[in-house]
Amino acid sequence: MRLSALKKRLPEEIDTFLLVEYGQLGQTAENALVKAVAGGNLLHVEGLKLKAERLKADLAGYDPSPLERLLFERIVSCWILATYADAMYAQGTAGRLGR
């Protein structure tokens, strides 16, 4: 969308648009992590996205507060990073463990 087209909208529409499209930094970071971990495998991307959403839903329960939602978003991002690091470590040490 061009900036000139955005300026023609009502202020409430602009706020909503900006929040939905550009204000979700946590989701943007999570998406980038998922793409990096999946390495171009689209099924892996979709599986990780589904797992992340289910983890957030399981953690959040019914009617989480805004702070809880932020916390769960962060927990899931850390889970993705930590699990990926574990996998990379295990691949790098394959055959050397147990010596």
Protein backbone atom coordinates (compact mmCIF):
# COMPACT_ATOMS: atom_id res chain seq x y z
CA MET A 1 0.00 0.00 0.00
CA ARG A 2 1.25 3.44 -0.84
CA LEU A 3 1.54 6.14 1.79
CA SER A 4 -0.74 8.46 -0.21
CA ALA A 5 -3.51 5.81 -0.22
CA LEU A 6 -3.06 5.28 3.50
CA LYS A 7 -3.43 9.00 4.21
CA LYS A 8 -6.86 8.99 2.51
CA ARG A 9 -8.24 6.61 5.13
CA LEU A 10 -9.92 7.64 8.36
CA PRO A 11 -7.60 7.88 11.38
CA GLU A 12 -9.24 4.83 13.00
CA GLU A 13 -8.70 2.82 9.84
CA ILE A 14 -5.07 3.90 9.69
CA ASP A 15 -4.47 2.84 13.29
CA THR A 16 -6.11 -0.54 12.73
CA PHE A 17 -4.23 -1.11 9.49
CA LEU A 18 -0.87 -0.17 10.99
CA LEU A 19 -1.41 -2.31 14.08
CA VAL A 20 -2.48 -5.37 12.10
CA GLU A 21 0.06 -5.07 9.27
CA TYR A 22 3.11 -3.55 10.95
CA GLY A 23 2.58 -3.50 14.71
CA GLN A 24 2.89 -7.21 15.38
CA LEU A 25 6.64 -7.36 15.96
CA GLY A 26 6.45 -10.51 18.07
CA GLN A 27 4.60 -12.35 15.31
CA THR A 28 7.03 -10.99 12.72
CA ALA A 29 9.95 -12.32 14.76
CA GLU A 30 8.24 -15.68 15.25
CA ASN A 31 7.56 -15.98 11.52
CA ALA A 32 11.21 -15.19 10.75
CA LEU A 33 12.37 -17.82 13.25
CA VAL A 34 10.04 -20.42 11.79
CA LYS A 35 11.26 -19.71 8.25
CA ALA A 36 14.90 -19.88 9.36
CA VAL A 37 14.39 -23.17 11.18
CA ALA A 38 12.35 -24.72 8.36
CA GLY A 39 14.99 -23.89 5.76
CA GLY A 40 12.53 -23.49 2.90
CA ASN A 41 10.50 -26.63 3.62
CA LEU A 42 6.90 -25.37 3.40
CA LEU A 43 5.46 -28.34 5.29
CA HIS A 44 7.94 -27.72 8.10
CA VAL A 45 6.91 -24.03 8.14
CA GLU A 46 3.22 -24.90 8.42
CA GLY A 47 3.87 -27.55 11.06
CA LEU A 48 5.92 -25.16 13.19
CA LYS A 49 3.31 -22.41 12.86
CA LEU A 50 0.59 -24.82 13.93
CA LYS A 51 2.67 -26.05 16.89
CA ALA A 52 3.41 -22.45 17.95
CA GLU A 53 -0.27 -21.47 17.82
CA ARG A 54 -1.29 -24.56 19.80
CA LEU A 55 1.40 -23.94 22.41
CA LYS A 56 0.22 -20.35 22.85
CA ALA A 57 -3.40 -21.47 23.13
CA ASP A 58 -2.53 -24.21 25.63
CA LEU A 59 -0.52 -21.80 27.76
CA ALA A 60 -3.04 -18.96 27.56
CA GLY A 61 -6.12 -20.84 28.63
CA TYR A 62 -9.31 -18.82 28.88
CA ASP A 63 -9.14 -15.01 28.61
CA PRO A 64 -5.44 -14.26 29.20
CA SER A 65 -4.38 -10.74 30.15
CA PRO A 66 -2.34 -8.64 27.70
CA LEU A 67 0.76 -9.29 29.79
CA GLU A 68 0.12 -13.04 29.68
CA ARG A 69 -0.32 -12.94 25.90
CA LEU A 70 3.05 -11.18 25.55
CA LEU A 71 4.66 -13.68 27.87
CA PHE A 72 3.27 -16.68 25.98
CA GLU A 73 4.37 -15.19 22.67
CA ARG A 74 7.89 -14.85 24.08
CA ILE A 75 7.88 -18.34 25.58
CA VAL A 76 6.99 -19.84 22.21
CA SER A 77 9.73 -17.87 20.43
CA CYS A 78 12.25 -19.07 23.03
CA TRP A 79 10.98 -22.63 22.60
CA ILE A 80 11.58 -22.40 18.84
CA LEU A 81 15.11 -21.02 19.35
CA ALA A 82 16.08 -23.46 22.09
CA THR A 83 14.75 -26.49 20.25
CA TYR A 84 16.51 -25.43 17.05
CA ALA A 85 19.76 -24.92 18.98
CA ASP A 86 19.39 -28.39 20.50
CA ALA A 87 18.91 -29.90 17.04
CA MET A 88 21.92 -28.07 15.60
CA TYR A 89 24.08 -29.14 18.54
CA ALA A 90 22.97 -32.75 18.21
CA GLN A 91 23.67 -32.74 14.47
CA GLY A 92 27.09 -31.22 15.06
CA THR A 93 28.02 -33.78 17.68
CA ALA A 94 26.56 -36.83 15.95
CA GLY A 95 29.01 -39.69 16.30
CA ARG A 96 31.02 -37.91 19.02
CA LEU A 97 28.56 -38.38 21.88
CA GLY A 98 29.10 -41.30 24.22
CA ARG A 99 32.86 -41.45 23.82
